[in-house]
Amino acid sequence: MSMDERRKYQRFQVKEKTSFVMNPEWPASGELVDIGNGGLAFNYASDHEWACSEDNNGMIFGSHDSCLTDMPMRVVADWPMAKENGESRPGIRRRCLKFGALSDEQKFLLECFIWINGVCEC
């Protein structure tokens, strides 16, 4: 079963490489790869997995000054990136996060963020 088949919500690729994710526990920010109502994935540069507590809040920044703050999320996967298109990606990792319980306002703002930053496959 593929990751897409297991997901409850569709994920959208981001339009620009200016979108990123931050958390006070992480040593740097990560580049947002995709996002949906259930969670997100991002790439980051490191030779090892970043430490992270079970549940914590993060910030997501996108184009046109779009920003989501205090988003509850938890790590569900983290792995080193393998070869992509025949090119090795040493020191690059991918982390997948699942959103926790979101308020109605956070759900609305997340939808707006996806509309602004996501690539829709119509």
N, C-alpha and C. Protein backbone atom coordinates (compact mmCIF):
# COMPACT_ATOMS: atom_id res chain seq x y z
N MET A 1 0.84 -1.18 0.00
CA MET A 1 0.00 0.00 0.00
C MET A 1 0.89 1.24 0.00
N SER A 2 0.64 2.13 -0.94
CA SER A 2 1.47 3.33 -1.05
C SER A 2 1.09 4.35 0.02
N MET A 3 1.99 5.33 0.22
CA MET A 3 1.74 6.39 1.20
C MET A 3 0.47 7.16 0.85
N ASP A 4 0.26 7.44 -0.46
CA ASP A 4 -0.93 8.18 -0.88
C ASP A 4 -2.21 7.41 -0.56
N GLU A 5 -2.18 6.09 -0.66
CA GLU A 5 -3.36 5.29 -0.37
C GLU A 5 -3.66 5.26 1.13
N ARG A 6 -2.65 5.42 1.96
CA ARG A 6 -2.84 5.40 3.41
C ARG A 6 -3.29 6.73 3.96
N ARG A 7 -3.09 7.81 3.23
CA ARG A 7 -3.42 9.14 3.73
C ARG A 7 -4.91 9.40 3.66
N LYS A 8 -5.40 10.05 4.70
CA LYS A 8 -6.81 10.43 4.75
C LYS A 8 -7.06 11.67 3.90
N TYR A 9 -6.07 12.56 3.82
CA TYR A 9 -6.20 13.82 3.09
C TYR A 9 -5.19 13.88 1.95
N GLN A 10 -5.60 14.51 0.87
CA GLN A 10 -4.71 14.70 -0.28
C GLN A 10 -3.57 15.65 0.09
N ARG A 11 -2.39 15.38 -0.46
CA ARG A 11 -1.25 16.28 -0.29
C ARG A 11 -1.03 17.04 -1.59
N PHE A 12 -0.59 18.30 -1.43
CA PHE A 12 -0.33 19.16 -2.58
C PHE A 12 1.14 19.57 -2.58
N GLN A 13 1.79 19.46 -3.73
CA GLN A 13 3.15 19.96 -3.88
C GLN A 13 3.10 21.48 -3.69
N VAL A 14 4.20 22.07 -3.23
CA VAL A 14 4.22 23.53 -3.09
C VAL A 14 4.76 24.15 -4.37
N LYS A 15 4.26 25.37 -4.66
CA LYS A 15 4.61 26.06 -5.91
C LYS A 15 6.04 26.54 -5.94
N GLU A 16 6.48 27.10 -4.85
CA GLU A 16 7.79 27.74 -4.83
C GLU A 16 8.68 27.13 -3.76
N LYS A 17 9.95 27.27 -3.95
CA LYS A 17 10.91 26.75 -2.97
C LYS A 17 11.14 27.73 -1.83
N THR A 18 10.25 28.72 -1.69
CA THR A 18 10.39 29.69 -0.62
C THR A 18 9.62 29.29 0.62
N SER A 19 8.85 28.19 0.55
CA SER A 19 8.07 27.74 1.69
C SER A 19 8.94 26.89 2.61
N PHE A 20 8.82 27.12 3.90
CA PHE A 20 9.62 26.34 4.84
C PHE A 20 8.92 26.16 6.18
N VAL A 21 9.46 25.25 6.98
CA VAL A 21 8.89 24.86 8.26
C VAL A 21 9.92 25.12 9.35
N MET A 22 9.45 25.63 10.49
CA MET A 22 10.35 25.89 11.62
C MET A 22 9.75 25.35 12.91
N ASN A 23 10.64 24.99 13.81
CA ASN A 23 10.26 24.54 15.14
C ASN A 23 11.38 24.95 16.09
N PRO A 24 11.06 25.46 17.28
CA PRO A 24 12.12 25.91 18.19
C PRO A 24 13.11 24.82 18.59
N GLU A 25 12.72 23.55 18.49
CA GLU A 25 13.60 22.45 18.86
C GLU A 25 14.60 22.09 17.77
N TRP A 26 14.36 22.55 16.54
CA TRP A 26 15.21 22.17 15.42
C TRP A 26 16.34 23.17 15.24
N PRO A 27 17.51 22.71 14.80
CA PRO A 27 18.65 23.62 14.61
C PRO A 27 18.53 24.56 13.41
N ALA A 28 17.64 24.25 12.48
CA ALA A 28 17.46 25.08 11.28
C ALA A 28 16.05 24.86 10.75
N SER A 29 15.71 25.50 9.64
CA SER A 29 14.40 25.30 9.04
C SER A 29 14.49 24.25 7.94
N GLY A 30 13.34 23.74 7.53
CA GLY A 30 13.28 22.76 6.46
C GLY A 30 12.49 23.29 5.29
N GLU A 31 12.80 22.82 4.08
CA GLU A 31 12.12 23.25 2.86
C GLU A 31 10.86 22.41 2.65
N LEU A 32 9.71 23.06 2.63
CA LEU A 32 8.43 22.39 2.47
C LEU A 32 8.35 21.70 1.11
N VAL A 33 7.94 20.43 1.12
CA VAL A 33 7.81 19.64 -0.11
C VAL A 33 6.34 19.53 -0.50
N ASP A 34 5.50 19.13 0.46
CA ASP A 34 4.07 19.05 0.20
C ASP A 34 3.29 19.28 1.49
N ILE A 35 1.99 19.59 1.33
CA ILE A 35 1.15 19.90 2.48
C ILE A 35 -0.29 19.54 2.15
N GLY A 36 -1.02 19.14 3.18
CA GLY A 36 -2.44 18.83 3.04
C GLY A 36 -3.13 19.08 4.37
N ASN A 37 -4.41 18.81 4.44
CA ASN A 37 -5.14 19.04 5.68
C ASN A 37 -4.69 18.13 6.82
N GLY A 38 -4.03 17.03 6.50
CA GLY A 38 -3.60 16.09 7.53
C GLY A 38 -2.16 16.26 7.98
N GLY A 39 -1.33 16.91 7.18
CA GLY A 39 0.07 17.04 7.56
C GLY A 39 0.92 17.59 6.42
N LEU A 40 2.23 17.39 6.56
CA LEU A 40 3.16 17.95 5.57
C LEU A 40 4.44 17.14 5.55
N ALA A 41 5.25 17.39 4.54
CA ALA A 41 6.58 16.79 4.45
C ALA A 41 7.55 17.90 4.07
N PHE A 42 8.78 17.80 4.58
CA PHE A 42 9.80 18.77 4.22
C PHE A 42 11.16 18.10 4.19
N ASN A 43 12.08 18.71 3.46
CA ASN A 43 13.47 18.26 3.39
C ASN A 43 14.32 19.18 4.24
N TYR A 44 15.37 18.61 4.83
CA TYR A 44 16.31 19.42 5.60
C TYR A 44 17.71 18.85 5.46
N ALA A 45 18.69 19.70 5.69
CA ALA A 45 20.08 19.30 5.54
C ALA A 45 20.63 18.88 6.90
N SER A 46 21.03 17.61 6.99
CA SER A 46 21.63 17.10 8.22
C SER A 46 22.14 15.68 7.96
N ASP A 47 23.19 15.31 8.68
CA ASP A 47 23.70 13.95 8.58
C ASP A 47 22.99 13.01 9.53
N HIS A 48 22.14 13.56 10.40
CA HIS A 48 21.41 12.73 11.37
C HIS A 48 20.01 13.31 11.60
N GLU A 49 19.13 12.48 12.13
CA GLU A 49 17.76 12.90 12.41
C GLU A 49 17.74 13.94 13.52
N TRP A 50 16.96 15.01 13.33
CA TRP A 50 16.83 16.02 14.37
C TRP A 50 16.00 15.48 15.52
N ALA A 51 16.40 15.86 16.73
CA ALA A 51 15.61 15.48 17.90
C ALA A 51 14.29 16.24 17.87
N CYS A 52 13.27 15.63 18.45
CA CYS A 52 11.96 16.28 18.48
C CYS A 52 11.11 15.60 19.54
N SER A 53 10.46 16.40 20.36
CA SER A 53 9.57 15.82 21.37
C SER A 53 8.33 15.25 20.68
N GLU A 54 7.57 14.48 21.42
CA GLU A 54 6.42 13.76 20.87
C GLU A 54 5.45 14.69 20.12
N ASP A 55 4.94 15.68 20.78
CA ASP A 55 4.02 16.64 20.16
C ASP A 55 4.55 18.04 20.42
N ASN A 56 4.57 18.85 19.39
CA ASN A 56 5.00 20.23 19.58
C ASN A 56 4.39 21.10 18.50
N ASN A 57 4.54 22.40 18.64
CA ASN A 57 3.98 23.33 17.68
C ASN A 57 5.07 23.89 16.78
N GLY A 58 4.72 24.12 15.53
CA GLY A 58 5.67 24.67 14.58
C GLY A 58 5.05 25.79 13.78
N MET A 59 5.88 26.40 12.94
CA MET A 59 5.45 27.48 12.07
C MET A 59 5.72 27.08 10.63
N ILE A 60 4.83 27.47 9.74
CA ILE A 60 4.96 27.17 8.33
C ILE A 60 4.87 28.49 7.57
N PHE A 61 5.88 28.75 6.75
CA PHE A 61 5.93 29.99 5.98
C PHE A 61 5.81 29.67 4.50
N GLY A 62 5.09 30.52 3.78
CA GLY A 62 4.92 30.33 2.34
C GLY A 62 5.07 31.64 1.59
N SER A 63 4.69 31.61 0.34
CA SER A 63 4.79 32.82 -0.49
C SER A 63 3.69 33.82 -0.12
N HIS A 64 3.84 35.04 -0.59
CA HIS A 64 2.88 36.13 -0.36
C HIS A 64 2.64 36.36 1.13
N ASP A 65 3.69 36.23 1.93
CA ASP A 65 3.63 36.47 3.37
C ASP A 65 2.65 35.54 4.09
N SER A 66 2.33 34.40 3.52
CA SER A 66 1.44 33.47 4.22
C SER A 66 2.23 32.75 5.31
N CYS A 67 1.58 32.60 6.45
CA CYS A 67 2.26 32.01 7.61
C CYS A 67 1.23 31.33 8.51
N LEU A 68 1.56 30.15 8.96
CA LEU A 68 0.74 29.43 9.94
C LEU A 68 1.57 29.31 11.21
N THR A 69 1.02 29.73 12.34
CA THR A 69 1.76 29.68 13.61
C THR A 69 1.09 28.74 14.59
N ASP A 70 1.87 28.26 15.53
CA ASP A 70 1.38 27.38 16.60
C ASP A 70 0.59 26.19 16.06
N MET A 71 1.08 25.59 14.98
CA MET A 71 0.41 24.43 14.40
C MET A 71 0.87 23.17 15.15
N PRO A 72 -0.07 22.47 15.81
CA PRO A 72 0.32 21.24 16.51
C PRO A 72 0.68 20.16 15.49
N MET A 73 1.84 19.55 15.66
CA MET A 73 2.27 18.51 14.74
C MET A 73 3.19 17.53 15.44
N ARG A 74 3.21 16.31 14.90
CA ARG A 74 4.12 15.30 15.44
C ARG A 74 4.79 14.56 14.28
N VAL A 75 5.99 14.11 14.55
CA VAL A 75 6.78 13.40 13.53
C VAL A 75 6.21 12.00 13.35
N VAL A 76 5.96 11.62 12.08
CA VAL A 76 5.51 10.26 11.78
C VAL A 76 6.54 9.49 10.98
N ALA A 77 7.48 10.19 10.34
CA ALA A 77 8.55 9.51 9.59
C ALA A 77 9.70 10.48 9.37
N ASP A 78 10.90 9.91 9.26
CA ASP A 78 12.11 10.69 8.98
C ASP A 78 13.13 9.73 8.39
N TRP A 79 13.67 10.07 7.22
CA TRP A 79 14.63 9.17 6.59
C TRP A 79 15.60 9.95 5.70
N PRO A 80 16.78 9.38 5.46
CA PRO A 80 17.73 10.02 4.53
C PRO A 80 17.21 9.85 3.10
N MET A 81 17.37 10.89 2.32
CA MET A 81 16.91 10.83 0.92
C MET A 81 17.86 9.95 0.11
N ALA A 82 17.26 9.09 -0.66
CA ALA A 82 18.05 8.19 -1.51
C ALA A 82 18.35 8.92 -2.81
N LYS A 83 18.92 8.20 -3.73
CA LYS A 83 19.22 8.79 -5.04
C LYS A 83 17.93 9.22 -5.71
N GLU A 84 17.98 10.38 -6.32
CA GLU A 84 16.82 10.91 -7.01
C GLU A 84 17.25 11.24 -8.43
N ASN A 85 16.60 10.65 -9.40
CA ASN A 85 16.95 10.84 -10.81
C ASN A 85 18.43 10.52 -11.05
N GLY A 86 18.93 9.51 -10.36
CA GLY A 86 20.31 9.11 -10.55
C GLY A 86 21.32 9.93 -9.78
N GLU A 87 20.86 10.99 -9.10
CA GLU A 87 21.77 11.84 -8.35
C GLU A 87 21.68 11.52 -6.86
N SER A 88 22.82 11.40 -6.24
CA SER A 88 22.86 11.17 -4.80
C SER A 88 22.54 12.46 -4.06
N ARG A 89 21.87 12.35 -2.91
CA ARG A 89 21.53 13.53 -2.12
C ARG A 89 22.11 13.37 -0.72
N PRO A 90 23.43 13.37 -0.59
CA PRO A 90 24.04 13.17 0.73
C PRO A 90 23.70 14.33 1.67
N GLY A 91 23.43 13.97 2.92
CA GLY A 91 23.16 14.99 3.92
C GLY A 91 21.77 15.59 3.86
N ILE A 92 20.89 15.08 2.98
CA ILE A 92 19.52 15.58 2.89
C ILE A 92 18.57 14.52 3.44
N ARG A 93 17.66 14.95 4.31
CA ARG A 93 16.69 14.06 4.91
C ARG A 93 15.28 14.57 4.64
N ARG A 94 14.31 13.69 4.71
CA ARG A 94 12.90 14.07 4.59
C ARG A 94 12.20 13.72 5.90
N ARG A 95 11.38 14.67 6.37
CA ARG A 95 10.60 14.46 7.60
C ARG A 95 9.13 14.67 7.27
N CYS A 96 8.30 13.74 7.74
CA CYS A 96 6.85 13.84 7.56
C CYS A 96 6.20 14.11 8.91
N LEU A 97 5.30 15.08 8.91
CA LEU A 97 4.61 15.49 10.13
C LEU A 97 3.11 15.34 9.95
N LYS A 98 2.45 14.96 11.02
CA LYS A 98 0.99 14.88 11.04
C LYS A 98 0.48 15.98 11.95
N PHE A 99 -0.56 16.70 11.48
CA PHE A 99 -1.13 17.75 12.32
C PHE A 99 -1.91 17.13 13.47
N GLY A 100 -1.85 17.79 14.61
CA GLY A 100 -2.66 17.39 15.76
C GLY A 100 -4.04 18.02 15.62
N ALA A 101 -4.73 18.12 16.74
CA ALA A 101 -6.07 18.73 16.74
C ALA A 101 -5.96 20.22 16.39
N LEU A 102 -6.64 20.61 15.33
CA LEU A 102 -6.62 22.00 14.88
C LEU A 102 -7.94 22.68 15.24
N SER A 103 -7.85 23.94 15.62
CA SER A 103 -9.05 24.73 15.88
C SER A 103 -9.72 25.03 14.54
N ASP A 104 -10.96 25.49 14.57
CA ASP A 104 -11.64 25.86 13.33
C ASP A 104 -10.88 26.96 12.60
N GLU A 105 -10.33 27.90 13.35
CA GLU A 105 -9.56 28.98 12.73
C GLU A 105 -8.30 28.43 12.06
N GLN A 106 -7.60 27.49 12.72
CA GLN A 106 -6.40 26.90 12.13
C GLN A 106 -6.74 26.11 10.87
N LYS A 107 -7.86 25.41 10.88
CA LYS A 107 -8.28 24.66 9.69
C LYS A 107 -8.54 25.61 8.52
N PHE A 108 -9.21 26.72 8.80
CA PHE A 108 -9.48 27.71 7.77
C PHE A 108 -8.18 28.30 7.21
N LEU A 109 -7.27 28.69 8.12
CA LEU A 109 -6.00 29.27 7.69
C LEU A 109 -5.16 28.26 6.91
N LEU A 110 -5.22 26.98 7.30
CA LEU A 110 -4.51 25.93 6.57
C LEU A 110 -5.06 25.81 5.16
N GLU A 111 -6.38 25.82 5.01
CA GLU A 111 -6.99 25.77 3.67
C GLU A 111 -6.51 26.95 2.82
N CYS A 112 -6.50 28.14 3.41
CA CYS A 112 -6.03 29.33 2.68
C CYS A 112 -4.57 29.17 2.28
N PHE A 113 -3.74 28.65 3.19
CA PHE A 113 -2.32 28.45 2.92
C PHE A 113 -2.15 27.49 1.73
N ILE A 114 -2.93 26.41 1.72
CA ILE A 114 -2.85 25.43 0.64
C ILE A 114 -3.26 26.07 -0.68
N TRP A 115 -4.32 26.87 -0.68
CA TRP A 115 -4.77 27.55 -1.91
C TRP A 115 -3.69 28.47 -2.45
N ILE A 116 -2.99 29.17 -1.56
CA ILE A 116 -1.97 30.13 -1.98
C ILE A 116 -0.69 29.41 -2.44
N ASN A 117 -0.29 28.37 -1.73
CA ASN A 117 1.03 27.75 -1.94
C ASN A 117 1.02 26.40 -2.63
N GLY A 118 -0.13 25.75 -2.70
CA GLY A 118 -0.20 24.41 -3.27
C GLY A 118 -0.39 24.40 -4.77
N VAL A 119 0.04 23.31 -5.38
CA VAL A 119 -0.17 23.10 -6.81
C VAL A 119 -1.37 22.18 -6.95
N CYS A 120 -2.41 22.67 -7.56
CA CYS A 120 -3.64 21.89 -7.73
C CYS A 120 -3.56 21.10 -9.03
N GLU A 121 -3.88 19.81 -8.94
CA GLU A 121 -3.91 18.97 -10.13
C GLU A 121 -5.36 18.81 -10.56
N CYS A 122 -5.84 19.74 -11.34
CA CYS A 122 -7.26 19.74 -11.76
C CYS A 122 -7.46 18.92 -13.00
